[in-house]
Amino acid sequence: MYMRCICVSDIISVRVPKELREGMRRFSYVNWSEVIREAIRARIEVEERRQRKMRAAEDMDRIRNKALQLHGATDYDSSEVIRLWRRLRG
């Protein structure tokens, strides 16, 4: 069975300084389109991770605020509990 992949793509233009374009011409054997695609892909991954971190931080803030509303502020110090268990561990 023959399967065909239909790839839809868009064309974008990138303006580069003259010196950069001259350097690209010197290394004309490099597939500059692929270099640019990979750079864009990598940046998208960075931005997606950043957005996930921001959403996680916002979720933690919502949970913390909800706990404060339900139970009020506490004087619980987790660092003291950690130190206690480390001392007991020996």
C-alpha atoms as a PDB file:
ATOM      1  CA  MET A   1       0.000   0.000   0.000  1.00  0.00           C
ATOM      2  CA  TYR A   2       1.341   3.404  -0.948  1.00  0.00           C
ATOM      3  CA  MET A   3       0.876   6.159   1.639  1.00  0.00           C
ATOM      4  CA  ARG A   4       1.324   9.744   0.722  1.00  0.00           C
ATOM      5  CA  CYS A   5       2.170  12.514   3.158  1.00  0.00           C
ATOM      6  CA  ILE A   6       0.713  15.862   2.269  1.00  0.00           C
ATOM      7  CA  CYS A   7       2.875  18.541   3.792  1.00  0.00           C
ATOM      8  CA  VAL A   8       1.430  22.034   3.899  1.00  0.00           C
ATOM      9  CA  SER A   9       3.875  24.831   4.494  1.00  0.00           C
ATOM     10  CA  ASP A  10       4.051  28.595   4.425  1.00  0.00           C
ATOM     11  CA  ILE A  11       6.799  30.822   3.183  1.00  0.00           C
ATOM     12  CA  ILE A  12       8.243  33.493   5.455  1.00  0.00           C
ATOM     13  CA  SER A  13      10.863  36.101   4.687  1.00  0.00           C
ATOM     14  CA  VAL A  14      13.748  36.912   6.970  1.00  0.00           C
ATOM     15  CA  ARG A  15      15.764  40.086   6.648  1.00  0.00           C
ATOM     16  CA  VAL A  16      19.442  39.658   7.523  1.00  0.00           C
ATOM     17  CA  PRO A  17      22.294  42.164   7.520  1.00  0.00           C
ATOM     18  CA  LYS A  18      24.494  42.230   4.429  1.00  0.00           C
ATOM     19  CA  GLU A  19      27.512  40.778   6.290  1.00  0.00           C
ATOM     20  CA  LEU A  20      25.411  37.843   7.462  1.00  0.00           C
ATOM     21  CA  ARG A  21      24.154  37.150   3.953  1.00  0.00           C
ATOM     22  CA  GLU A  22      27.732  37.252   2.632  1.00  0.00           C
ATOM     23  CA  GLY A  23      28.707  34.694   5.274  1.00  0.00           C
ATOM     24  CA  MET A  24      25.804  32.501   4.202  1.00  0.00           C
ATOM     25  CA  ARG A  25      27.024  32.691   0.613  1.00  0.00           C
ATOM     26  CA  ARG A  26      30.543  31.656   1.683  1.00  0.00           C
ATOM     27  CA  PHE A  27      29.041  28.506   3.181  1.00  0.00           C
ATOM     28  CA  SER A  28      26.505  27.864   0.432  1.00  0.00           C
ATOM     29  CA  TYR A  29      26.650  24.103   1.044  1.00  0.00           C
ATOM     30  CA  VAL A  30      24.746  24.644   4.327  1.00  0.00           C
ATOM     31  CA  ASN A  31      20.994  24.208   4.087  1.00  0.00           C
ATOM     32  CA  TRP A  32      20.152  27.577   5.623  1.00  0.00           C
ATOM     33  CA  SER A  33      16.412  26.953   5.412  1.00  0.00           C
ATOM     34  CA  GLU A  34      16.824  23.883   7.610  1.00  0.00           C
ATOM     35  CA  VAL A  35      19.060  25.816  10.035  1.00  0.00           C
ATOM     36  CA  ILE A  36      16.368  28.481  10.367  1.00  0.00           C
ATOM     37  CA  ARG A  37      13.586  25.877  10.739  1.00  0.00           C
ATOM     38  CA  GLU A  38      15.523  24.134  13.520  1.00  0.00           C
ATOM     39  CA  ALA A  39      16.187  27.449  15.284  1.00  0.00           C
ATOM     40  CA  ILE A  40      12.477  28.304  15.137  1.00  0.00           C
ATOM     41  CA  ARG A  41      11.535  24.815  16.381  1.00  0.00           C
ATOM     42  CA  ALA A  42      13.976  25.101  19.287  1.00  0.00           C
ATOM     43  CA  ARG A  43      12.664  28.552  20.231  1.00  0.00           C
ATOM     44  CA  ILE A  44       9.072  27.312  20.144  1.00  0.00           C
ATOM     45  CA  GLU A  45      10.040  24.527  22.578  1.00  0.00           C
ATOM     46  CA  VAL A  46      11.678  27.077  24.896  1.00  0.00           C
ATOM     47  CA  GLU A  47       8.592  29.297  24.817  1.00  0.00           C
ATOM     48  CA  GLU A  48       6.232  26.349  25.397  1.00  0.00           C
ATOM     49  CA  ARG A  49       8.272  25.277  28.448  1.00  0.00           C
ATOM     50  CA  ARG A  50       8.211  28.857  29.715  1.00  0.00           C
ATOM     51  CA  GLN A  51       4.430  28.989  29.331  1.00  0.00           C
ATOM     52  CA  ARG A  52       4.009  25.646  31.144  1.00  0.00           C
ATOM     53  CA  LYS A  53       6.158  26.958  34.011  1.00  0.00           C
ATOM     54  CA  MET A  54       4.101  30.152  34.175  1.00  0.00           C
ATOM     55  CA  ARG A  55       0.838  28.166  34.247  1.00  0.00           C
ATOM     56  CA  ALA A  56       2.245  25.906  36.980  1.00  0.00           C
ATOM     57  CA  ALA A  57       3.272  28.943  39.040  1.00  0.00           C
ATOM     58  CA  GLU A  58      -0.190  30.461  38.577  1.00  0.00           C
ATOM     59  CA  ASP A  59      -1.783  27.148  39.628  1.00  0.00           C
ATOM     60  CA  MET A  60       0.408  27.041  42.754  1.00  0.00           C
ATOM     61  CA  ASP A  61      -0.579  30.617  43.589  1.00  0.00           C
ATOM     62  CA  ARG A  62      -4.271  29.716  43.224  1.00  0.00           C
ATOM     63  CA  ILE A  63      -3.841  26.653  45.465  1.00  0.00           C
ATOM     64  CA  ARG A  64      -1.906  28.682  48.054  1.00  0.00           C
ATOM     65  CA  ASN A  65      -4.541  31.432  48.053  1.00  0.00           C
ATOM     66  CA  LYS A  66      -7.358  28.886  48.346  1.00  0.00           C
ATOM     67  CA  ALA A  67      -5.613  27.248  51.322  1.00  0.00           C
ATOM     68  CA  LEU A  68      -5.168  30.659  52.943  1.00  0.00           C
ATOM     69  CA  GLN A  69      -8.860  31.423  52.438  1.00  0.00           C
ATOM     70  CA  LEU A  70      -9.955  28.081  53.864  1.00  0.00           C
ATOM     71  CA  HIS A  71      -7.483  27.704  56.725  1.00  0.00           C
ATOM     72  CA  GLY A  72      -5.845  31.076  57.240  1.00  0.00           C
ATOM     73  CA  ALA A  73      -2.154  31.697  57.713  1.00  0.00           C
ATOM     74  CA  THR A  74      -0.147  29.197  59.748  1.00  0.00           C
ATOM     75  CA  ASP A  75       3.158  29.333  61.548  1.00  0.00           C
ATOM     76  CA  TYR A  76       4.176  25.969  60.110  1.00  0.00           C
ATOM     77  CA  ASP A  77       7.835  25.959  59.136  1.00  0.00           C
ATOM     78  CA  SER A  78       8.718  23.042  56.893  1.00  0.00           C
ATOM     79  CA  SER A  79      12.443  23.750  57.249  1.00  0.00           C
ATOM     80  CA  GLU A  80      12.211  22.980  60.979  1.00  0.00           C
ATOM     81  CA  VAL A  81      10.538  19.639  60.257  1.00  0.00           C
ATOM     82  CA  ILE A  82      13.198  18.792  57.657  1.00  0.00           C
ATOM     83  CA  ARG A  83      15.985  19.614  60.133  1.00  0.00           C
ATOM     84  CA  LEU A  84      14.308  17.454  62.787  1.00  0.00           C
ATOM     85  CA  TRP A  85      14.083  14.437  60.460  1.00  0.00           C
ATOM     86  CA  ARG A  86      17.687  14.905  59.351  1.00  0.00           C
ATOM     87  CA  ARG A  87      18.843  14.932  62.968  1.00  0.00           C
ATOM     88  CA  LEU A  88      16.804  11.820  63.735  1.00  0.00           C
ATOM     89  CA  ARG A  89      18.184  10.062  60.656  1.00  0.00           C
ATOM     90  CA  GLY A  90      21.606  10.415  62.149  1.00  0.00           C
END
